């Protein structure tokens, strides 16, 4: 769930590119905020920059971050009784 403050921050990120056009995105996404930023940048890659390949690369890194976050959550003892439906 995205909290209101995070949504406002995401909109601000969408208005100003995090990295100049032509610079590669980070090799590994480390935080949830970076994940959201890369999703927004992927949208801009397609909508503003017409660069579907860059968008695909960003979204592949987002997908990897989601996999890692899900594995960490599954290993957390708090969620031991909950199993992910996959």
PDB file of N, CA and C in Angstrom:
ATOM      1  N   UNK A   1       0.843  -1.179   0.000  1.00  0.00           N
ATOM      2  CA  UNK A   1       0.000   0.000   0.000  1.00  0.00           C
ATOM      3  C   UNK A   1       0.888   1.241   0.000  1.00  0.00           C
ATOM      4  N   UNK A   2       0.579   2.170  -0.863  1.00  0.00           N
ATOM      5  CA  UNK A   2       1.353   3.410  -0.949  1.00  0.00           C
ATOM      6  C   UNK A   2       0.674   4.465  -0.092  1.00  0.00           C
ATOM      7  N   UNK A   3       1.440   4.982   0.852  1.00  0.00           N
ATOM      8  CA  UNK A   3       0.897   6.032   1.708  1.00  0.00           C
ATOM      9  C   UNK A   3       0.867   7.348   0.948  1.00  0.00           C
ATOM     10  N   UNK A   4       0.032   8.266   1.396  1.00  0.00           N
ATOM     11  CA  UNK A   4      -0.137   9.549   0.720  1.00  0.00           C
ATOM     12  C   UNK A   4       1.181  10.286   0.522  1.00  0.00           C
ATOM     13  N   UNK A   5       2.024  10.334   1.541  1.00  0.00           N
ATOM     14  CA  UNK A   5       3.308  11.020   1.426  1.00  0.00           C
ATOM     15  C   UNK A   5       4.196  10.406   0.358  1.00  0.00           C
ATOM     16  N   UNK A   6       4.183   9.090   0.265  1.00  0.00           N
ATOM     17  CA  UNK A   6       4.983   8.399  -0.736  1.00  0.00           C
ATOM     18  C   UNK A   6       4.438   8.674  -2.134  1.00  0.00           C
ATOM     19  N   UNK A   7       3.121   8.767  -2.276  1.00  0.00           N
ATOM     20  CA  UNK A   7       2.525   9.058  -3.573  1.00  0.00           C
ATOM     21  C   UNK A   7       2.908  10.455  -4.035  1.00  0.00           C
ATOM     22  N   UNK A   8       2.904  11.416  -3.131  1.00  0.00           N
ATOM     23  CA  UNK A   8       3.315  12.777  -3.478  1.00  0.00           C
ATOM     24  C   UNK A   8       4.781  12.776  -3.905  1.00  0.00           C
ATOM     25  N   UNK A   9       5.627  12.047  -3.185  1.00  0.00           N
ATOM     26  CA  UNK A   9       7.034  11.960  -3.546  1.00  0.00           C
ATOM     27  C   UNK A   9       7.192  11.311  -4.918  1.00  0.00           C
ATOM     28  N   UNK A  10       6.407  10.277  -5.185  1.00  0.00           N
ATOM     29  CA  UNK A  10       6.484   9.603  -6.481  1.00  0.00           C
ATOM     30  C   UNK A  10       6.114  10.553  -7.615  1.00  0.00           C
ATOM     31  N   UNK A  11       5.127  11.383  -7.408  1.00  0.00           N
ATOM     32  CA  UNK A  11       4.753  12.351  -8.446  1.00  0.00           C
ATOM     33  C   UNK A  11       5.869  13.360  -8.676  1.00  0.00           C
ATOM     34  N   UNK A  12       6.536  13.771  -7.619  1.00  0.00           N
ATOM     35  CA  UNK A  12       7.662  14.706  -7.765  1.00  0.00           C
ATOM     36  C   UNK A  12       8.790  14.050  -8.552  1.00  0.00           C
ATOM     37  N   UNK A  13       9.052  12.776  -8.296  1.00  0.00           N
ATOM     38  CA  UNK A  13      10.079  12.050  -9.032  1.00  0.00           C
ATOM     39  C   UNK A  13       9.705  11.947 -10.504  1.00  0.00           C
ATOM     40  N   UNK A  14       8.419  11.734 -10.779  1.00  0.00           N
ATOM     41  CA  UNK A  14       7.979  11.604 -12.163  1.00  0.00           C
ATOM     42  C   UNK A  14       8.206  12.892 -12.941  1.00  0.00           C
ATOM     43  N   UNK A  15       8.157  14.032 -12.273  1.00  0.00           N
ATOM     44  CA  UNK A  15       8.339  15.312 -12.949  1.00  0.00           C
ATOM     45  C   UNK A  15       9.793  15.647 -13.217  1.00  0.00           C
ATOM     46  N   UNK A  16      10.716  15.063 -12.487  1.00  0.00           N
ATOM     47  CA  UNK A  16      12.138  15.343 -12.671  1.00  0.00           C
ATOM     48  C   UNK A  16      12.891  14.031 -12.811  1.00  0.00           C
ATOM     49  N   UNK A  17      13.530  13.783 -13.956  1.00  0.00           N
ATOM     50  CA  UNK A  17      14.225  12.507 -14.146  1.00  0.00           C
ATOM     51  C   UNK A  17      15.338  12.317 -13.123  1.00  0.00           C
ATOM     52  N   UNK A  18      15.460  11.108 -12.612  1.00  0.00           N
ATOM     53  CA  UNK A  18      16.476  10.798 -11.604  1.00  0.00           C
ATOM     54  C   UNK A  18      17.861  10.740 -12.221  1.00  0.00           C
ATOM     55  N   UNK A  19      17.935  10.303 -13.451  1.00  0.00           N
ATOM     56  CA  UNK A  19      19.223  10.256 -14.123  1.00  0.00           C
ATOM     57  C   UNK A  19      19.040  10.830 -15.523  1.00  0.00           C
ATOM     58  N   UNK A  20      20.019  11.573 -15.991  1.00  0.00           N
ATOM     59  CA  UNK A  20      19.907  12.179 -17.309  1.00  0.00           C
ATOM     60  C   UNK A  20      19.712  11.128 -18.390  1.00  0.00           C
ATOM     61  N   UNK A  21      19.091  11.533 -19.481  1.00  0.00           N
ATOM     62  CA  UNK A  21      18.864  10.627 -20.603  1.00  0.00           C
ATOM     63  C   UNK A  21      20.204  10.085 -21.069  1.00  0.00           C
ATOM     64  N   UNK A  22      20.254   8.782 -21.292  1.00  0.00           N
ATOM     65  CA  UNK A  22      21.478   8.163 -21.753  1.00  0.00           C
ATOM     66  C   UNK A  22      22.282   7.510 -20.646  1.00  0.00           C
ATOM     67  N   UNK A  23      22.081   7.927 -19.392  1.00  0.00           N
ATOM     68  CA  UNK A  23      22.784   7.299 -18.274  1.00  0.00           C
ATOM     69  C   UNK A  23      22.077   5.995 -17.926  1.00  0.00           C
ATOM     70  N   UNK A  24      22.848   4.954 -17.655  1.00  0.00           N
ATOM     71  CA  UNK A  24      22.207   3.679 -17.309  1.00  0.00           C
ATOM     72  C   UNK A  24      21.567   3.746 -15.926  1.00  0.00           C
ATOM     73  N   UNK A  25      20.492   3.002 -15.730  1.00  0.00           N
ATOM     74  CA  UNK A  25      19.874   2.934 -14.404  1.00  0.00           C
ATOM     75  C   UNK A  25      20.778   2.148 -13.467  1.00  0.00           C
ATOM     76  N   UNK A  26      20.518   2.210 -12.156  1.00  0.00           N
ATOM     77  CA  UNK A  26      21.354   1.460 -11.218  1.00  0.00           C
ATOM     78  C   UNK A  26      21.312  -0.038 -11.512  1.00  0.00           C
ATOM     79  N   UNK A  27      22.429  -0.711 -11.289  1.00  0.00           N
ATOM     80  CA  UNK A  27      22.520  -2.149 -11.570  1.00  0.00           C
ATOM     81  C   UNK A  27      21.596  -2.956 -10.665  1.00  0.00           C
ATOM     82  N   UNK A  28      21.470  -2.536  -9.410  1.00  0.00           N
ATOM     83  CA  UNK A  28      20.626  -3.244  -8.446  1.00  0.00           C
ATOM     84  C   UNK A  28      19.800  -2.211  -7.684  1.00  0.00           C
ATOM     85  N   UNK A  29      18.537  -2.500  -7.541  1.00  0.00           N
ATOM     86  CA  UNK A  29      17.650  -1.631  -6.765  1.00  0.00           C
ATOM     87  C   UNK A  29      17.757  -2.058  -5.311  1.00  0.00           C
ATOM     88  N   UNK A  30      18.002  -1.078  -4.438  1.00  0.00           N
ATOM     89  CA  UNK A  30      18.251  -1.411  -3.034  1.00  0.00           C
ATOM     90  C   UNK A  30      17.064  -1.120  -2.116  1.00  0.00           C
ATOM     91  N   UNK A  31      16.214  -0.163  -2.481  1.00  0.00           N
ATOM     92  CA  UNK A  31      15.132   0.231  -1.575  1.00  0.00           C
ATOM     93  C   UNK A  31      13.802   0.282  -2.311  1.00  0.00           C
ATOM     94  N   UNK A  32      12.738   0.323  -1.517  1.00  0.00           N
ATOM     95  CA  UNK A  32      11.396   0.433  -2.095  1.00  0.00           C
ATOM     96  C   UNK A  32      11.239   1.747  -2.868  1.00  0.00           C
ATOM     97  N   UNK A  33      11.815   2.816  -2.334  1.00  0.00           N
ATOM     98  CA  UNK A  33      11.739   4.105  -3.032  1.00  0.00           C
ATOM     99  C   UNK A  33      12.450   4.046  -4.377  1.00  0.00           C
ATOM    100  N   UNK A  34      13.619   3.391  -4.431  1.00  0.00           N
ATOM    101  CA  UNK A  34      14.321   3.234  -5.708  1.00  0.00           C
ATOM    102  C   UNK A  34      13.493   2.395  -6.673  1.00  0.00           C
ATOM    103  N   UNK A  35      12.796   1.397  -6.148  1.00  0.00           N
ATOM    104  CA  UNK A  35      11.931   0.557  -6.975  1.00  0.00           C
ATOM    105  C   UNK A  35      10.832   1.392  -7.620  1.00  0.00           C
ATOM    106  N   UNK A  36      10.161   2.198  -6.811  1.00  0.00           N
ATOM    107  CA  UNK A  36       9.101   3.062  -7.341  1.00  0.00           C
ATOM    108  C   UNK A  36       9.657   4.062  -8.346  1.00  0.00           C
ATOM    109  N   UNK A  37      10.837   4.588  -8.054  1.00  0.00           N
ATOM    110  CA  UNK A  37      11.475   5.540  -8.961  1.00  0.00           C
ATOM    111  C   UNK A  37      11.749   4.888 -10.315  1.00  0.00           C
ATOM    112  N   UNK A  38      12.227   3.648 -10.302  1.00  0.00           N
ATOM    113  CA  UNK A  38      12.521   2.960 -11.556  1.00  0.00           C
ATOM    114  C   UNK A  38      11.250   2.642 -12.341  1.00  0.00           C
ATOM    115  N   UNK A  39      10.162   2.357 -11.660  1.00  0.00           N
ATOM    116  CA  UNK A  39       8.881   2.144 -12.349  1.00  0.00           C
ATOM    117  C   UNK A  39       8.460   3.427 -13.059  1.00  0.00           C
ATOM    118  N   UNK A  40       8.567   4.548 -12.367  1.00  0.00           N
ATOM    119  CA  UNK A  40       8.218   5.830 -12.984  1.00  0.00           C
ATOM    120  C   UNK A  40       9.153   6.169 -14.141  1.00  0.00           C
ATOM    121  N   UNK A  41      10.435   5.893 -13.973  1.00  0.00           N
ATOM    122  CA  UNK A  41      11.385   6.164 -15.056  1.00  0.00           C
ATOM    123  C   UNK A  41      11.110   5.257 -16.254  1.00  0.00           C
ATOM    124  N   UNK A  42      10.690   4.024 -16.020  1.00  0.00           N
ATOM    125  CA  UNK A  42      10.337   3.126 -17.125  1.00  0.00           C
ATOM    126  C   UNK A  42       9.147   3.693 -17.899  1.00  0.00           C
ATOM    127  N   UNK A  43       8.182   4.232 -17.173  1.00  0.00           N
ATOM    128  CA  UNK A  43       7.044   4.878 -17.834  1.00  0.00           C
ATOM    129  C   UNK A  43       7.531   6.032 -18.700  1.00  0.00           C
ATOM    130  N   UNK A  44       8.435   6.844 -18.153  1.00  0.00           N
ATOM    131  CA  UNK A  44       8.974   7.978 -18.922  1.00  0.00           C
ATOM    132  C   UNK A  44       9.795   7.498 -20.101  1.00  0.00           C
ATOM    133  N   UNK A  45      10.514   6.392 -19.943  1.00  0.00           N
ATOM    134  CA  UNK A  45      11.272   5.840 -21.072  1.00  0.00           C
ATOM    135  C   UNK A  45      10.349   5.579 -22.256  1.00  0.00           C
ATOM    136  N   UNK A  46       9.178   5.032 -21.971  1.00  0.00           N
ATOM    137  CA  UNK A  46       8.232   4.706 -23.036  1.00  0.00           C
ATOM    138  C   UNK A  46       7.496   5.951 -23.518  1.00  0.00           C
ATOM    139  N   UNK A  47       6.939   6.717 -22.591  1.00  0.00           N
ATOM    140  CA  UNK A  47       6.071   7.843 -22.955  1.00  0.00           C
ATOM    141  C   UNK A  47       6.837   9.039 -23.521  1.00  0.00           C
ATOM    142  N   UNK A  48       7.944   9.404 -22.891  1.00  0.00           N
ATOM    143  CA  UNK A  48       8.651  10.624 -23.277  1.00  0.00           C
ATOM    144  C   UNK A  48       9.864  10.378 -24.165  1.00  0.00           C
ATOM    145  N   UNK A  49      10.559   9.274 -23.929  1.00  0.00           N
ATOM    146  CA  UNK A  49      11.837   9.054 -24.610  1.00  0.00           C
ATOM    147  C   UNK A  49      11.756   8.029 -25.727  1.00  0.00           C
ATOM    148  N   UNK A  50      10.607   7.346 -25.851  1.00  0.00           N
ATOM    149  CA  UNK A  50      10.400   6.326 -26.876  1.00  0.00           C
ATOM    150  C   UNK A  50      11.527   5.287 -26.857  1.00  0.00           C
ATOM    151  N   UNK A  51      11.862   4.812 -25.657  1.00  0.00           N
ATOM    152  CA  UNK A  51      12.956   3.853 -25.489  1.00  0.00           C
ATOM    153  C   UNK A  51      12.444   2.615 -24.751  1.00  0.00           C
ATOM    154  N   UNK A  52      11.822   1.728 -25.511  1.00  0.00           N
ATOM    155  CA  UNK A  52      11.221   0.537 -24.925  1.00  0.00           C
ATOM    156  C   UNK A  52      12.275  -0.396 -24.330  1.00  0.00           C
ATOM    157  N   UNK A  53      13.462  -0.413 -24.909  1.00  0.00           N
ATOM    158  CA  UNK A  53      14.518  -1.299 -24.414  1.00  0.00           C
ATOM    159  C   UNK A  53      15.003  -0.854 -23.033  1.00  0.00           C
ATOM    160  N   UNK A  54      15.156   0.446 -22.848  1.00  0.00           N
ATOM    161  CA  UNK A  54      15.552   0.973 -21.539  1.00  0.00           C
ATOM    162  C   UNK A  54      14.461   0.678 -20.507  1.00  0.00           C
ATOM    163  N   UNK A  55      13.205   0.851 -20.905  1.00  0.00           N
ATOM    164  CA  UNK A  55      12.089   0.560 -19.998  1.00  0.00           C
ATOM    165  C   UNK A  55      12.094  -0.912 -19.593  1.00  0.00           C
ATOM    166  N   UNK A  56      12.342  -1.795 -20.552  1.00  0.00           N
ATOM    167  CA  UNK A  56      12.376  -3.228 -20.256  1.00  0.00           C
ATOM    168  C   UNK A  56      13.498  -3.564 -19.280  1.00  0.00           C
ATOM    169  N   UNK A  57      14.657  -2.935 -19.457  1.00  0.00           N
ATOM    170  CA  UNK A  57      15.790  -3.181 -18.552  1.00  0.00           C
ATOM    171  C   UNK A  57      15.451  -2.710 -17.140  1.00  0.00           C
ATOM    172  N   UNK A  58      14.827  -1.535 -17.034  1.00  0.00           N
ATOM    173  CA  UNK A  58      14.446  -1.031 -15.711  1.00  0.00           C
ATOM    174  C   UNK A  58      13.446  -1.976 -15.042  1.00  0.00           C
ATOM    175  N   UNK A  59      12.443  -2.409 -15.799  1.00  0.00           N
ATOM    176  CA  UNK A  59      11.411  -3.267 -15.219  1.00  0.00           C
ATOM    177  C   UNK A  59      11.946  -4.645 -14.844  1.00  0.00           C
ATOM    178  N   UNK A  60      12.964  -5.122 -15.548  1.00  0.00           N
ATOM    179  CA  UNK A  60      13.596  -6.389 -15.160  1.00  0.00           C
ATOM    180  C   UNK A  60      14.269  -6.236 -13.792  1.00  0.00           C
ATOM    181  N   UNK A  61      14.904  -5.083 -13.546  1.00  0.00           N
ATOM    182  CA  UNK A  61      15.522  -4.836 -12.236  1.00  0.00           C
ATOM    183  C   UNK A  61      14.452  -4.691 -11.158  1.00  0.00           C
ATOM    184  N   UNK A  62      13.330  -4.067 -11.496  1.00  0.00           N
ATOM    185  CA  UNK A  62      12.216  -3.948 -10.551  1.00  0.00           C
ATOM    186  C   UNK A  62      11.705  -5.342 -10.186  1.00  0.00           C
ATOM    187  N   UNK A  63      11.552  -6.182 -11.184  1.00  0.00           N
ATOM    188  CA  UNK A  63      11.062  -7.537 -10.940  1.00  0.00           C
ATOM    189  C   UNK A  63      12.025  -8.315 -10.043  1.00  0.00           C
ATOM    190  N   UNK A  64      13.330  -8.137 -10.249  1.00  0.00           N
ATOM    191  CA  UNK A  64      14.320  -8.802  -9.400  1.00  0.00           C
ATOM    192  C   UNK A  64      14.227  -8.293  -7.961  1.00  0.00           C
ATOM    193  N   UNK A  65      14.035  -6.985  -7.782  1.00  0.00           N
ATOM    194  CA  UNK A  65      13.883  -6.435  -6.436  1.00  0.00           C
ATOM    195  C   UNK A  65      12.650  -7.035  -5.755  1.00  0.00           C
ATOM    196  N   UNK A  66      11.557  -7.154  -6.489  1.00  0.00           N
ATOM    197  CA  UNK A  66      10.328  -7.727  -5.934  1.00  0.00           C
ATOM    198  C   UNK A  66      10.574  -9.176  -5.507  1.00  0.00           C
ATOM    199  N   UNK A  67      11.286  -9.946  -6.321  1.00  0.00           N
ATOM    200  CA  UNK A  67      11.599 -11.328  -5.954  1.00  0.00           C
ATOM    201  C   UNK A  67      12.407 -11.380  -4.656  1.00  0.00           C
ATOM    202  N   UNK A  68      13.449 -10.528  -4.567  1.00  0.00           N
ATOM    203  CA  UNK A  68      14.280 -10.505  -3.353  1.00  0.00           C
ATOM    204  C   UNK A  68      13.458 -10.096  -2.137  1.00  0.00           C
ATOM    205  N   UNK A  69      12.609  -9.072  -2.293  1.00  0.00           N
ATOM    206  CA  UNK A  69      11.782  -8.602  -1.176  1.00  0.00           C
ATOM    207  C   UNK A  69      10.808  -9.696  -0.731  1.00  0.00           C
ATOM    208  N   UNK A  70      10.260 -10.440  -1.678  1.00  0.00           N
ATOM    209  CA  UNK A  70       9.340 -11.526  -1.335  1.00  0.00           C
ATOM    210  C   UNK A  70      10.071 -12.647  -0.608  1.00  0.00           C
ATOM    211  N   UNK A  71      11.298 -12.957  -1.034  1.00  0.00           N
ATOM    212  CA  UNK A  71      12.078 -13.992  -0.354  1.00  0.00           C
ATOM    213  C   UNK A  71      12.409 -13.576   1.080  1.00  0.00           C
ATOM    214  N   UNK A  72      12.783 -12.312   1.255  1.00  0.00           N
ATOM    215  CA  UNK A  72      13.071 -11.819   2.601  1.00  0.00           C
ATOM    216  C   UNK A  72      11.826 -11.865   3.481  1.00  0.00           C
ATOM    217  N   UNK A  73      10.688 -11.496   2.914  1.00  0.00           N
ATOM    218  CA  UNK A  73       9.445 -11.531   3.678  1.00  0.00           C
ATOM    219  C   UNK A  73       9.080 -12.975   4.045  1.00  0.00           C
ATOM    220  N   UNK A  74       9.290 -13.890   3.110  1.00  0.00           N
ATOM    221  CA  UNK A  74       8.968 -15.295   3.381  1.00  0.00           C
ATOM    222  C   UNK A  74       9.862 -15.860   4.477  1.00  0.00           C
ATOM    223  N   UNK A  75      11.095 -15.368   4.576  1.00  0.00           N
ATOM    224  CA  UNK A  75      12.025 -15.858   5.592  1.00  0.00           C
ATOM    225  C   UNK A  75      11.797 -15.217   6.961  1.00  0.00           C
ATOM    226  N   UNK A  76      10.997 -14.170   7.010  1.00  0.00           N
ATOM    227  CA  UNK A  76      10.727 -13.472   8.271  1.00  0.00           C
ATOM    228  C   UNK A  76       9.818 -14.341   9.139  1.00  0.00           C
ATOM    229  N   UNK A  77      10.204 -14.602  10.390  1.00  0.00           N
ATOM    230  CA  UNK A  77       9.397 -15.464  11.264  1.00  0.00           C
ATOM    231  C   UNK A  77       7.976 -14.949  11.495  1.00  0.00           C
ATOM    232  N   UNK A  78       7.778 -13.664  11.363  1.00  0.00           N
ATOM    233  CA  UNK A  78       6.435 -13.102  11.553  1.00  0.00           C
ATOM    234  C   UNK A  78       5.465 -13.672  10.526  1.00  0.00           C
ATOM    235  N   UNK A  79       5.997 -13.971   9.333  1.00  0.00           N
ATOM    236  CA  UNK A  79       5.138 -14.451   8.251  1.00  0.00           C
ATOM    237  C   UNK A  79       5.216 -15.962   8.073  1.00  0.00           C
ATOM    238  N   UNK A  80       5.731 -16.667   9.062  1.00  0.00           N
ATOM    239  CA  UNK A  80       5.907 -18.116   8.949  1.00  0.00           C
ATOM    240  C   UNK A  80       4.602 -18.847   8.695  1.00  0.00           C
ATOM    241  N   UNK A  81       3.519 -18.335   9.239  1.00  0.00           N
ATOM    242  CA  UNK A  81       2.232 -19.039   9.065  1.00  0.00           C
ATOM    243  C   UNK A  81       1.547 -18.682   7.739  1.00  0.00           C
ATOM    244  N   UNK A  82       2.064 -17.667   7.077  1.00  0.00           N
ATOM    245  CA  UNK A  82       1.468 -17.234   5.816  1.00  0.00           C
ATOM    246  C   UNK A  82       2.324 -17.738   4.666  1.00  0.00           C
ATOM    247  N   UNK A  83       1.718 -18.368   3.712  1.00  0.00           N
ATOM    248  CA  UNK A  83       2.432 -18.835   2.528  1.00  0.00           C
ATOM    249  C   UNK A  83       1.968 -18.015   1.329  1.00  0.00           C
ATOM    250  N   UNK A  84       2.936 -17.595   0.509  1.00  0.00           N
ATOM    251  CA  UNK A  84       2.601 -16.840  -0.692  1.00  0.00           C
ATOM    252  C   UNK A  84       1.929 -17.751  -1.712  1.00  0.00           C
ATOM    253  N   UNK A  85       0.884 -17.267  -2.311  1.00  0.00           N
ATOM    254  CA  UNK A  85       0.221 -18.016  -3.374  1.00  0.00           C
ATOM    255  C   UNK A  85       0.970 -17.737  -4.668  1.00  0.00           C
ATOM    256  N   UNK A  86       1.618 -18.756  -5.185  1.00  0.00           N
ATOM    257  CA  UNK A  86       2.352 -18.572  -6.427  1.00  0.00           C
ATOM    258  C   UNK A  86       1.986 -19.604  -7.436  1.00  0.00           C
TER     259      UNK A  86
END
